Amino acid sequence: MRVVFISDTHNKHRKVVLPAGDMLIHAGDVSGRGTQSEIEDFLNWFSAQPHQYKIFIAGNHDFFIQQNPQKFKEILPSTIIYLQDEMVEIEGRKIYGSPWTPRFMNWAFMKEKGEDIAQVWRQIPNDIEVLITHGPAFGTLDKIYTGLPVGCEDLAIELGRIKPKYFLFGHIHEDYGLRERDGIIFMNGAVLNERYVLKNEAFVFDL
């Protein structure tokens, strides 16, 4: 199964070049201000893509999804799988998605550092092949422009238990890239750079 992975399109999704594949995954921040019209535009574009399976999670910009969950469910096309602290199994591959990040200012899908967000990560089962979160774990592809790592420490701890084969995320535009550590392939798929310019390509890998 060929997977195409992107993140942090921020309303520029229609400009992204998507390679062919069986599954398309987006790790959040589909919008800019998180309005219903922005979310609907993304959903219309996403659902029209030719990939057989289309999966996404929300990000800290995607306010409408958090503030209007029932309305969001009503407008979500049946061809799209949205994951919010839940798992889906597709052709034997277990994929888990969660939108939360440690609190920074007053964005969407934020949890306080420590026990508040640790409880979210403890819900993730052990036997998953692909983990999708909006933000990175501490210490891997999580450095902002100053060089400071800002990923979630509690998520980094839980990764040692979960041990997914692939860990997909975005959020930190400055640290787009791929690394392998402790048997886990980390991918920061933010396609926009820190100036919100479309610069980075989609990742493609095979499950």
N, C-alpha and C. Protein backbone atom coordinates (compact mmCIF):
# COMPACT_ATOMS: atom_id res chain seq x y z
N MET A 1 0.85 -1.19 0.00
CA MET A 1 0.00 0.00 0.00
C MET A 1 0.89 1.24 0.00
N ARG A 2 0.73 2.08 -1.01
CA ARG A 2 1.53 3.30 -1.11
C ARG A 2 0.82 4.45 -0.41
N VAL A 3 1.54 5.10 0.51
CA VAL A 3 1.00 6.18 1.32
C VAL A 3 1.61 7.50 0.88
N VAL A 4 0.77 8.52 0.72
CA VAL A 4 1.21 9.89 0.46
C VAL A 4 0.87 10.71 1.70
N PHE A 5 1.86 11.41 2.23
CA PHE A 5 1.68 12.12 3.50
C PHE A 5 2.04 13.59 3.37
N ILE A 6 1.13 14.44 3.87
CA ILE A 6 1.35 15.89 3.93
C ILE A 6 0.83 16.44 5.25
N SER A 7 1.21 17.66 5.56
CA SER A 7 0.69 18.33 6.74
C SER A 7 0.78 19.84 6.54
N ASP A 8 0.01 20.58 7.34
CA ASP A 8 0.13 22.05 7.42
C ASP A 8 0.01 22.72 6.06
N THR A 9 -1.11 22.51 5.40
CA THR A 9 -1.34 23.15 4.11
C THR A 9 -1.93 24.56 4.26
N HIS A 10 -2.62 24.84 5.36
CA HIS A 10 -3.09 26.20 5.68
C HIS A 10 -3.76 26.89 4.48
N ASN A 11 -4.79 26.27 3.94
CA ASN A 11 -5.58 26.81 2.83
C ASN A 11 -4.88 26.76 1.47
N LYS A 12 -3.66 26.27 1.42
CA LYS A 12 -2.94 26.19 0.14
C LYS A 12 -2.97 24.79 -0.45
N HIS A 13 -3.93 23.99 0.00
CA HIS A 13 -4.00 22.59 -0.42
C HIS A 13 -4.11 22.43 -1.93
N ARG A 14 -4.81 23.35 -2.60
CA ARG A 14 -5.00 23.22 -4.04
C ARG A 14 -3.73 23.45 -4.84
N LYS A 15 -2.71 23.97 -4.20
CA LYS A 15 -1.43 24.18 -4.86
C LYS A 15 -0.44 23.03 -4.62
N VAL A 16 -0.81 22.11 -3.76
CA VAL A 16 0.08 21.01 -3.42
C VAL A 16 0.06 19.96 -4.53
N VAL A 17 1.23 19.51 -4.94
CA VAL A 17 1.33 18.44 -5.92
C VAL A 17 1.33 17.10 -5.18
N LEU A 18 0.33 16.29 -5.46
CA LEU A 18 0.20 15.01 -4.76
C LEU A 18 0.60 13.86 -5.68
N PRO A 19 1.57 13.06 -5.28
CA PRO A 19 1.90 11.87 -6.06
C PRO A 19 0.76 10.85 -6.00
N ALA A 20 0.78 9.91 -6.90
CA ALA A 20 -0.20 8.84 -6.88
C ALA A 20 0.05 7.93 -5.69
N GLY A 21 -1.00 7.31 -5.21
CA GLY A 21 -0.87 6.39 -4.09
C GLY A 21 -2.21 5.78 -3.74
N ASP A 22 -2.18 4.88 -2.77
CA ASP A 22 -3.40 4.21 -2.32
C ASP A 22 -4.05 4.93 -1.15
N MET A 23 -3.23 5.61 -0.34
CA MET A 23 -3.72 6.27 0.86
C MET A 23 -3.12 7.66 0.95
N LEU A 24 -3.96 8.64 1.30
CA LEU A 24 -3.52 10.01 1.49
C LEU A 24 -3.77 10.40 2.94
N ILE A 25 -2.71 10.86 3.61
CA ILE A 25 -2.80 11.23 5.02
C ILE A 25 -2.40 12.69 5.19
N HIS A 26 -3.20 13.43 5.96
CA HIS A 26 -2.92 14.84 6.29
C HIS A 26 -2.90 14.97 7.81
N ALA A 27 -1.82 15.55 8.36
CA ALA A 27 -1.64 15.61 9.81
C ALA A 27 -2.06 16.94 10.43
N GLY A 28 -3.01 17.65 9.82
CA GLY A 28 -3.61 18.79 10.48
C GLY A 28 -3.12 20.16 10.05
N ASP A 29 -3.84 21.18 10.51
CA ASP A 29 -3.71 22.55 10.06
C ASP A 29 -4.06 22.62 8.57
N VAL A 30 -5.28 22.21 8.29
CA VAL A 30 -5.78 22.27 6.93
C VAL A 30 -6.22 23.69 6.58
N SER A 31 -6.44 24.52 7.60
CA SER A 31 -6.99 25.85 7.41
C SER A 31 -6.04 26.92 7.93
N GLY A 32 -6.47 28.19 7.77
CA GLY A 32 -5.69 29.31 8.29
C GLY A 32 -6.28 29.85 9.56
N ARG A 33 -7.55 30.30 9.47
CA ARG A 33 -8.24 30.83 10.65
C ARG A 33 -9.22 29.84 11.24
N GLY A 34 -9.36 28.70 10.61
CA GLY A 34 -10.22 27.66 11.17
C GLY A 34 -11.70 27.90 10.99
N THR A 35 -12.10 28.67 9.98
CA THR A 35 -13.51 28.93 9.75
C THR A 35 -14.19 27.75 9.07
N GLN A 36 -15.51 27.73 9.15
CA GLN A 36 -16.26 26.65 8.51
C GLN A 36 -16.01 26.64 7.00
N SER A 37 -15.99 27.80 6.37
CA SER A 37 -15.80 27.85 4.93
C SER A 37 -14.43 27.32 4.53
N GLU A 38 -13.41 27.61 5.33
CA GLU A 38 -12.07 27.08 5.04
C GLU A 38 -12.05 25.57 5.17
N ILE A 39 -12.66 25.07 6.23
CA ILE A 39 -12.70 23.62 6.44
C ILE A 39 -13.47 22.94 5.31
N GLU A 40 -14.59 23.52 4.91
CA GLU A 40 -15.39 22.93 3.84
C GLU A 40 -14.63 22.91 2.52
N ASP A 41 -13.89 23.96 2.24
CA ASP A 41 -13.10 23.99 1.01
C ASP A 41 -12.05 22.89 1.01
N PHE A 42 -11.40 22.70 2.17
CA PHE A 42 -10.44 21.61 2.27
C PHE A 42 -11.11 20.26 2.07
N LEU A 43 -12.24 20.05 2.72
CA LEU A 43 -12.93 18.76 2.61
C LEU A 43 -13.34 18.48 1.16
N ASN A 44 -13.79 19.49 0.46
CA ASN A 44 -14.17 19.31 -0.94
C ASN A 44 -12.98 18.89 -1.79
N TRP A 45 -11.85 19.54 -1.55
CA TRP A 45 -10.62 19.19 -2.28
C TRP A 45 -10.13 17.80 -1.89
N PHE A 46 -10.08 17.53 -0.61
CA PHE A 46 -9.54 16.27 -0.10
C PHE A 46 -10.36 15.09 -0.61
N SER A 47 -11.66 15.23 -0.56
CA SER A 47 -12.53 14.13 -0.97
C SER A 47 -12.44 13.84 -2.46
N ALA A 48 -12.02 14.84 -3.23
CA ALA A 48 -11.92 14.68 -4.68
C ALA A 48 -10.62 14.02 -5.13
N GLN A 49 -9.69 13.81 -4.21
CA GLN A 49 -8.42 13.21 -4.59
C GLN A 49 -8.61 11.72 -4.94
N PRO A 50 -7.80 11.20 -5.86
CA PRO A 50 -8.03 9.85 -6.38
C PRO A 50 -7.59 8.72 -5.46
N HIS A 51 -6.91 9.02 -4.38
CA HIS A 51 -6.43 7.98 -3.47
C HIS A 51 -7.62 7.24 -2.86
N GLN A 52 -7.51 5.93 -2.76
CA GLN A 52 -8.63 5.12 -2.29
C GLN A 52 -9.01 5.45 -0.85
N TYR A 53 -8.00 5.64 -0.01
CA TYR A 53 -8.24 5.95 1.40
C TYR A 53 -7.71 7.36 1.69
N LYS A 54 -8.53 8.16 2.34
CA LYS A 54 -8.14 9.53 2.68
C LYS A 54 -8.38 9.76 4.17
N ILE A 55 -7.29 10.03 4.89
CA ILE A 55 -7.32 10.15 6.35
C ILE A 55 -6.74 11.50 6.75
N PHE A 56 -7.40 12.17 7.72
CA PHE A 56 -6.77 13.38 8.25
C PHE A 56 -7.15 13.58 9.71
N ILE A 57 -6.32 14.38 10.38
CA ILE A 57 -6.60 14.83 11.74
C ILE A 57 -6.62 16.36 11.73
N ALA A 58 -7.12 16.95 12.78
CA ALA A 58 -7.13 18.41 12.89
C ALA A 58 -5.79 18.90 13.45
N GLY A 59 -5.60 20.22 13.35
CA GLY A 59 -4.44 20.87 13.94
C GLY A 59 -4.86 22.08 14.75
N ASN A 60 -3.90 22.81 15.26
CA ASN A 60 -4.22 23.90 16.17
C ASN A 60 -4.88 25.11 15.48
N HIS A 61 -4.86 25.17 14.17
CA HIS A 61 -5.56 26.23 13.45
C HIS A 61 -7.02 25.88 13.15
N ASP A 62 -7.39 24.63 13.30
CA ASP A 62 -8.67 24.14 12.79
C ASP A 62 -9.79 24.26 13.83
N PHE A 63 -10.10 25.49 14.20
CA PHE A 63 -11.04 25.79 15.29
C PHE A 63 -12.44 25.21 15.05
N PHE A 64 -12.95 25.31 13.85
CA PHE A 64 -14.32 24.88 13.58
C PHE A 64 -14.53 23.42 13.96
N ILE A 65 -13.54 22.59 13.73
CA ILE A 65 -13.69 21.16 14.02
C ILE A 65 -13.85 20.93 15.52
N GLN A 66 -13.12 21.69 16.32
CA GLN A 66 -13.22 21.53 17.77
C GLN A 66 -14.47 22.19 18.34
N GLN A 67 -14.79 23.36 17.84
CA GLN A 67 -15.89 24.14 18.42
C GLN A 67 -17.27 23.71 17.94
N ASN A 68 -17.33 23.06 16.79
CA ASN A 68 -18.62 22.63 16.22
C ASN A 68 -18.56 21.18 15.77
N PRO A 69 -18.31 20.26 16.71
CA PRO A 69 -18.11 18.85 16.32
C PRO A 69 -19.30 18.23 15.61
N GLN A 70 -20.52 18.56 16.02
CA GLN A 70 -21.70 17.98 15.38
C GLN A 70 -21.86 18.50 13.95
N LYS A 71 -21.69 19.79 13.77
CA LYS A 71 -21.79 20.37 12.43
C LYS A 71 -20.68 19.82 11.54
N PHE A 72 -19.51 19.65 12.10
CA PHE A 72 -18.41 19.09 11.32
C PHE A 72 -18.75 17.68 10.84
N LYS A 73 -19.32 16.88 11.71
CA LYS A 73 -19.71 15.52 11.31
C LYS A 73 -20.72 15.55 10.17
N GLU A 74 -21.58 16.55 10.18
CA GLU A 74 -22.61 16.64 9.15
C GLU A 74 -22.03 17.00 7.79
N ILE A 75 -20.95 17.75 7.76
CA ILE A 75 -20.38 18.16 6.48
C ILE A 75 -19.21 17.27 6.05
N LEU A 76 -18.80 16.34 6.90
CA LEU A 76 -17.67 15.46 6.57
C LEU A 76 -18.10 14.45 5.51
N PRO A 77 -17.47 14.45 4.34
CA PRO A 77 -17.82 13.48 3.31
C PRO A 77 -17.56 12.05 3.76
N SER A 78 -18.38 11.14 3.30
CA SER A 78 -18.24 9.73 3.69
C SER A 78 -16.96 9.11 3.13
N THR A 79 -16.34 9.75 2.17
CA THR A 79 -15.11 9.23 1.57
C THR A 79 -13.86 9.59 2.38
N ILE A 80 -14.04 10.38 3.44
CA ILE A 80 -12.91 10.82 4.26
C ILE A 80 -12.99 10.21 5.64
N ILE A 81 -11.85 9.75 6.14
CA ILE A 81 -11.76 9.23 7.51
C ILE A 81 -11.10 10.31 8.38
N TYR A 82 -11.85 10.80 9.37
CA TYR A 82 -11.30 11.77 10.31
C TYR A 82 -11.02 11.05 11.63
N LEU A 83 -9.82 11.22 12.15
CA LEU A 83 -9.43 10.56 13.39
C LEU A 83 -9.19 11.59 14.49
N GLN A 84 -9.86 11.38 15.62
CA GLN A 84 -9.64 12.22 16.80
C GLN A 84 -9.56 11.31 18.01
N ASP A 85 -8.35 10.95 18.36
CA ASP A 85 -8.10 10.02 19.46
C ASP A 85 -8.78 8.68 19.19
N GLU A 86 -8.55 8.15 18.00
CA GLU A 86 -9.15 6.88 17.62
C GLU A 86 -8.31 6.19 16.55
N MET A 87 -8.60 4.91 16.37
CA MET A 87 -7.85 4.08 15.45
C MET A 87 -8.75 3.60 14.34
N VAL A 88 -8.17 3.42 13.17
CA VAL A 88 -8.86 2.78 12.06
C VAL A 88 -7.96 1.67 11.54
N GLU A 89 -8.55 0.58 11.13
CA GLU A 89 -7.78 -0.52 10.55
C GLU A 89 -8.16 -0.63 9.09
N ILE A 90 -7.17 -0.52 8.22
CA ILE A 90 -7.38 -0.58 6.79
C ILE A 90 -6.49 -1.66 6.19
N GLU A 91 -7.12 -2.66 5.63
CA GLU A 91 -6.40 -3.77 5.02
C GLU A 91 -5.33 -4.32 5.96
N GLY A 92 -5.69 -4.43 7.22
CA GLY A 92 -4.81 -5.01 8.22
C GLY A 92 -3.82 -4.04 8.84
N ARG A 93 -3.79 -2.80 8.36
CA ARG A 93 -2.88 -1.79 8.92
C ARG A 93 -3.63 -0.94 9.94
N LYS A 94 -3.10 -0.88 11.14
CA LYS A 94 -3.74 -0.11 12.21
C LYS A 94 -3.13 1.29 12.28
N ILE A 95 -4.00 2.29 12.17
CA ILE A 95 -3.58 3.68 12.10
C ILE A 95 -4.32 4.46 13.18
N TYR A 96 -3.59 5.24 13.95
CA TYR A 96 -4.17 6.00 15.05
C TYR A 96 -3.87 7.48 14.85
N GLY A 97 -4.87 8.33 15.11
CA GLY A 97 -4.67 9.76 14.94
C GLY A 97 -5.16 10.58 16.12
N SER A 98 -4.42 11.66 16.45
CA SER A 98 -4.79 12.55 17.54
C SER A 98 -4.34 13.98 17.23
N PRO A 99 -5.20 14.99 17.45
CA PRO A 99 -4.87 16.36 17.05
C PRO A 99 -4.16 17.21 18.10
N TRP A 100 -4.01 16.74 19.32
CA TRP A 100 -3.61 17.60 20.43
C TRP A 100 -2.13 17.97 20.40
N THR A 101 -1.85 19.18 20.90
CA THR A 101 -0.47 19.63 21.10
C THR A 101 -0.39 20.33 22.45
N PRO A 102 0.81 20.43 23.03
CA PRO A 102 0.96 21.17 24.30
C PRO A 102 0.53 22.63 24.13
N ARG A 103 -0.06 23.19 25.17
CA ARG A 103 -0.64 24.52 25.07
C ARG A 103 0.39 25.58 24.70
N PHE A 104 -0.01 26.37 23.70
CA PHE A 104 0.76 27.54 23.28
C PHE A 104 -0.25 28.61 22.89
N MET A 105 -0.33 29.66 23.68
CA MET A 105 -1.32 30.71 23.47
C MET A 105 -2.73 30.09 23.51
N ASN A 106 -3.61 30.52 22.62
CA ASN A 106 -5.01 30.07 22.74
C ASN A 106 -5.50 29.46 21.43
N TRP A 107 -4.75 28.50 20.92
CA TRP A 107 -5.11 27.84 19.68
C TRP A 107 -6.07 26.68 19.94
N ALA A 108 -6.47 26.02 18.89
CA ALA A 108 -7.38 24.87 19.00
C ALA A 108 -6.61 23.61 19.40
N PHE A 109 -7.34 22.66 19.97
CA PHE A 109 -6.80 21.34 20.33
C PHE A 109 -5.51 21.43 21.13
N MET A 110 -5.59 22.17 22.23
CA MET A 110 -4.44 22.34 23.12
C MET A 110 -4.71 21.65 24.45
N LYS A 111 -3.68 21.05 25.02
CA LYS A 111 -3.73 20.46 26.35
C LYS A 111 -2.54 20.98 27.15
N GLU A 112 -2.75 21.13 28.45
CA GLU A 112 -1.65 21.56 29.30
C GLU A 112 -0.57 20.48 29.36
N LYS A 113 0.69 20.91 29.44
CA LYS A 113 1.78 19.96 29.59
C LYS A 113 1.63 19.20 30.90
N GLY A 114 2.15 17.99 30.91
CA GLY A 114 2.05 17.17 32.11
C GLY A 114 0.89 16.20 32.01
N GLU A 115 0.19 15.99 33.12
CA GLU A 115 -0.83 14.96 33.20
C GLU A 115 -1.97 15.17 32.20
N ASP A 116 -2.30 16.43 31.93
CA ASP A 116 -3.42 16.72 31.02
C ASP A 116 -3.19 16.10 29.65
N ILE A 117 -2.02 16.34 29.07
CA ILE A 117 -1.77 15.79 27.74
C ILE A 117 -1.25 14.36 27.81
N ALA A 118 -0.62 13.99 28.91
CA ALA A 118 -0.13 12.62 29.06
C ALA A 118 -1.28 11.62 29.01
N GLN A 119 -2.43 12.01 29.55
CA GLN A 119 -3.60 11.13 29.51
C GLN A 119 -4.03 10.84 28.07
N VAL A 120 -3.88 11.82 27.21
CA VAL A 120 -4.22 11.62 25.79
C VAL A 120 -3.31 10.57 25.17
N TRP A 121 -2.02 10.70 25.41
CA TRP A 121 -1.06 9.77 24.79
C TRP A 121 -1.17 8.37 25.37
N ARG A 122 -1.58 8.25 26.62
CA ARG A 122 -1.71 6.91 27.22
C ARG A 122 -2.86 6.12 26.61
N GLN A 123 -3.78 6.80 25.92
CA GLN A 123 -4.88 6.11 25.26
C GLN A 123 -4.44 5.38 24.00
N ILE A 124 -3.29 5.75 23.47
CA ILE A 124 -2.85 5.17 22.20
C ILE A 124 -2.45 3.71 22.41
N PRO A 125 -3.02 2.80 21.63
CA PRO A 125 -2.69 1.37 21.80
C PRO A 125 -1.27 1.05 21.32
N ASN A 126 -0.79 -0.10 21.76
CA ASN A 126 0.58 -0.51 21.43
C ASN A 126 0.74 -1.04 20.00
N ASP A 127 -0.29 -1.69 19.50
CA ASP A 127 -0.15 -2.48 18.27
C ASP A 127 -0.55 -1.71 17.01
N ILE A 128 -0.11 -0.46 16.89
CA ILE A 128 -0.42 0.30 15.69
C ILE A 128 0.82 0.40 14.81
N GLU A 129 0.58 0.49 13.52
CA GLU A 129 1.69 0.60 12.57
C GLU A 129 2.00 2.04 12.24
N VAL A 130 0.94 2.89 12.21
CA VAL A 130 1.12 4.30 11.87
C VAL A 130 0.48 5.16 12.94
N LEU A 131 1.26 6.08 13.50
CA LEU A 131 0.74 7.06 14.46
C LEU A 131 0.76 8.43 13.80
N ILE A 132 -0.39 9.13 13.86
CA ILE A 132 -0.48 10.48 13.32
C ILE A 132 -0.85 11.43 14.46
N THR A 133 -0.02 12.41 14.71
CA THR A 133 -0.37 13.49 15.63
C THR A 133 -0.06 14.81 14.92
N HIS A 134 -0.67 15.89 15.40
CA HIS A 134 -0.38 17.16 14.72
C HIS A 134 1.03 17.64 15.04
N GLY A 135 1.43 17.54 16.29
CA GLY A 135 2.73 18.03 16.69
C GLY A 135 3.74 16.91 16.90
N PRO A 136 5.03 17.25 16.94
CA PRO A 136 6.08 16.25 17.13
C PRO A 136 6.28 15.89 18.60
N ALA A 137 6.99 14.82 18.80
CA ALA A 137 7.50 14.48 20.13
C ALA A 137 8.80 15.25 20.36
N PHE A 138 9.15 15.41 21.61
CA PHE A 138 10.35 16.17 21.94
C PHE A 138 11.60 15.47 21.40
N GLY A 139 12.45 16.25 20.74
CA GLY A 139 13.78 15.78 20.39
C GLY A 139 13.97 15.29 18.97
N THR A 140 12.91 15.21 18.18
CA THR A 140 13.05 14.72 16.80
C THR A 140 12.20 15.56 15.86
N LEU A 141 12.84 16.29 14.97
CA LEU A 141 12.17 17.12 13.97
C LEU A 141 11.19 18.10 14.63
N ASP A 142 11.63 18.70 15.72
CA ASP A 142 10.76 19.59 16.50
C ASP A 142 11.41 20.94 16.82
N LYS A 143 12.44 21.33 16.06
CA LYS A 143 13.14 22.57 16.37
C LYS A 143 12.55 23.75 15.61
N ILE A 144 12.29 24.84 16.34
CA ILE A 144 11.83 26.07 15.71
C ILE A 144 13.03 26.84 15.16
N TYR A 145 12.79 28.02 14.60
CA TYR A 145 13.84 28.75 13.89
C TYR A 145 15.02 29.13 14.78
N THR A 146 14.79 29.19 16.09
CA THR A 146 15.89 29.52 17.00
C THR A 146 16.77 28.32 17.32
N GLY A 147 16.35 27.13 16.88
CA GLY A 147 17.07 25.91 17.21
C GLY A 147 16.56 25.23 18.46
N LEU A 148 15.53 25.82 19.09
CA LEU A 148 14.98 25.27 20.32
C LEU A 148 14.00 24.14 20.02
N PRO A 149 14.18 22.96 20.64
CA PRO A 149 13.21 21.87 20.46
C PRO A 149 11.95 22.14 21.27
N VAL A 150 10.78 21.99 20.66
CA VAL A 150 9.54 22.34 21.33
C VAL A 150 8.52 21.20 21.31
N GLY A 151 8.94 20.01 20.93
CA GLY A 151 8.03 18.88 20.89
C GLY A 151 7.56 18.46 22.26
N CYS A 152 6.58 17.57 22.29
CA CYS A 152 5.96 17.14 23.55
C CYS A 152 6.79 16.07 24.24
N GLU A 153 7.23 16.37 25.46
CA GLU A 153 8.02 15.42 26.23
C GLU A 153 7.23 14.16 26.58
N ASP A 154 5.96 14.35 26.93
CA ASP A 154 5.15 13.19 27.32
C ASP A 154 4.89 12.26 26.15
N LEU A 155 4.75 12.82 24.96
CA LEU A 155 4.59 11.98 23.77
C LEU A 155 5.86 11.20 23.48
N ALA A 156 7.00 11.83 23.69
CA ALA A 156 8.27 11.14 23.48
C ALA A 156 8.39 9.93 24.40
N ILE A 157 7.93 10.07 25.62
CA ILE A 157 7.97 8.95 26.58
C ILE A 157 7.08 7.81 26.09
N GLU A 158 5.87 8.15 25.66
CA GLU A 158 4.93 7.11 25.23
C GLU A 158 5.35 6.41 23.94
N LEU A 159 6.12 7.09 23.12
CA LEU A 159 6.60 6.45 21.89
C LEU A 159 7.41 5.21 22.18
N GLY A 160 8.11 5.20 23.32
CA GLY A 160 8.87 4.03 23.70
C GLY A 160 7.99 2.82 23.97
N ARG A 161 6.77 3.08 24.37
CA ARG A 161 5.79 2.00 24.60
C ARG A 161 5.06 1.63 23.30
N ILE A 162 4.63 2.64 22.57
CA ILE A 162 3.80 2.40 21.39
C ILE A 162 4.61 1.75 20.27
N LYS A 163 5.77 2.31 20.00
CA LYS A 163 6.69 1.82 18.97
C LYS A 163 6.01 1.62 17.62
N PRO A 164 5.40 2.67 17.07
CA PRO A 164 4.83 2.54 15.73
C PRO A 164 5.95 2.39 14.70
N LYS A 165 5.63 1.84 13.57
CA LYS A 165 6.62 1.76 12.50
C LYS A 165 6.85 3.13 11.89
N TYR A 166 5.75 3.89 11.74
CA TYR A 166 5.82 5.24 11.19
C TYR A 166 5.13 6.21 12.14
N PHE A 167 5.76 7.35 12.39
CA PHE A 167 5.19 8.42 13.20
C PHE A 167 5.12 9.67 12.34
N LEU A 168 3.89 10.10 12.02
CA LEU A 168 3.67 11.19 11.09
C LEU A 168 3.12 12.41 11.83
N PHE A 169 3.65 13.60 11.53
CA PHE A 169 3.23 14.81 12.22
C PHE A 169 3.64 16.02 11.39
N GLY A 170 3.38 17.21 11.91
CA GLY A 170 3.77 18.46 11.26
C GLY A 170 3.97 19.52 12.30
N HIS A 171 3.19 20.63 12.19
CA HIS A 171 3.12 21.68 13.19
C HIS A 171 4.35 22.59 13.20
N ILE A 172 5.54 22.03 13.28
CA ILE A 172 6.77 22.83 13.31
C ILE A 172 7.29 22.92 11.87
N HIS A 173 6.92 24.00 11.20
CA HIS A 173 7.23 24.14 9.77
C HIS A 173 8.73 24.14 9.50
N GLU A 174 9.52 24.65 10.44
CA GLU A 174 10.95 24.81 10.22
C GLU A 174 11.72 23.49 10.18
N ASP A 175 11.10 22.39 10.68
CA ASP A 175 11.87 21.15 10.82
C ASP A 175 11.28 20.01 9.98
N TYR A 176 10.79 20.36 8.81
CA TYR A 176 10.34 19.35 7.84
C TYR A 176 11.47 18.35 7.59
N GLY A 177 11.10 17.08 7.49
CA GLY A 177 12.13 16.10 7.17
C GLY A 177 11.78 14.70 7.66
N LEU A 178 12.72 13.80 7.52
CA LEU A 178 12.56 12.39 7.87
C LEU A 178 13.77 11.94 8.67
N ARG A 179 13.51 11.24 9.76
CA ARG A 179 14.58 10.65 10.58
C ARG A 179 14.14 9.26 11.05
N GLU A 180 15.09 8.39 11.26
CA GLU A 180 14.80 7.10 11.87
C GLU A 180 15.50 7.03 13.21
N ARG A 181 14.75 6.65 14.24
CA ARG A 181 15.32 6.58 15.59
C ARG A 181 14.62 5.46 16.35
N ASP A 182 15.40 4.60 16.95
CA ASP A 182 14.88 3.51 17.78
C ASP A 182 13.85 2.66 17.05
N GLY A 183 14.08 2.43 15.77
CA GLY A 183 13.19 1.59 14.99
C GLY A 183 11.93 2.27 14.51
N ILE A 184 11.79 3.59 14.75
CA ILE A 184 10.62 4.36 14.33
C ILE A 184 11.05 5.33 13.23
N ILE A 185 10.27 5.40 12.16
CA ILE A 185 10.52 6.38 11.11
C ILE A 185 9.67 7.62 11.40
N PHE A 186 10.33 8.72 11.70
CA PHE A 186 9.68 10.00 12.01
C PHE A 186 9.58 10.82 10.73
N MET A 187 8.40 11.39 10.46
CA MET A 187 8.23 12.26 9.31
C MET A 187 7.50 13.53 9.74
N ASN A 188 8.16 14.66 9.58
CA ASN A 188 7.52 15.95 9.73
C ASN A 188 7.13 16.39 8.32
N GLY A 189 5.84 16.36 8.03
CA GLY A 189 5.36 16.57 6.67
C GLY A 189 4.86 17.96 6.37
N ALA A 190 5.26 18.97 7.14
CA ALA A 190 4.79 20.34 6.90
C ALA A 190 5.24 20.81 5.53
N VAL A 191 4.30 21.03 4.63
CA VAL A 191 4.67 21.42 3.27
C VAL A 191 4.96 22.92 3.14
N LEU A 192 4.52 23.72 4.11
CA LEU A 192 4.84 25.14 4.12
C LEU A 192 6.02 25.41 5.05
N ASN A 193 6.89 26.32 4.65
CA ASN A 193 8.00 26.66 5.54
C ASN A 193 7.53 27.65 6.61
N GLU A 194 8.48 28.17 7.39
CA GLU A 194 8.12 29.04 8.51
C GLU A 194 7.49 30.36 8.05
N ARG A 195 7.68 30.73 6.79
CA ARG A 195 7.06 31.92 6.24
C ARG A 195 5.74 31.61 5.52
N TYR A 196 5.27 30.38 5.69
CA TYR A 196 4.02 29.91 5.09
C TYR A 196 4.08 29.91 3.55
N VAL A 197 5.28 29.65 3.04
CA VAL A 197 5.49 29.50 1.61
C VAL A 197 5.51 28.01 1.28
N LEU A 198 4.78 27.61 0.25
CA LEU A 198 4.76 26.21 -0.16
C LEU A 198 6.12 25.83 -0.72
N LYS A 199 6.83 25.01 0.03
CA LYS A 199 8.22 24.72 -0.32
C LYS A 199 8.52 23.23 -0.33
N ASN A 200 7.89 22.47 0.54
CA ASN A 200 8.28 21.08 0.74
C ASN A 200 7.34 20.12 0.01
N GLU A 201 7.88 18.98 -0.37
CA GLU A 201 7.14 17.99 -1.12
C GLU A 201 6.45 17.00 -0.19
N ALA A 202 5.44 16.35 -0.71
CA ALA A 202 4.77 15.27 0.03
C ALA A 202 5.73 14.09 0.20
N PHE A 203 5.59 13.40 1.31
CA PHE A 203 6.33 12.16 1.50
C PHE A 203 5.55 11.00 0.88
N VAL A 204 6.28 10.03 0.36
CA VAL A 204 5.67 8.82 -0.17
C VAL A 204 6.40 7.61 0.41
N PHE A 205 5.64 6.67 0.96
CA PHE A 205 6.26 5.46 1.48
C PHE A 205 5.28 4.29 1.35
N ASP A 206 5.79 3.10 1.46
CA ASP A 206 4.99 1.89 1.28
C ASP A 206 4.80 1.15 2.59
N LEU A 207 3.55 0.82 2.89
CA LEU A 207 3.24 -0.05 4.03
C LEU A 207 3.22 -1.48 3.53
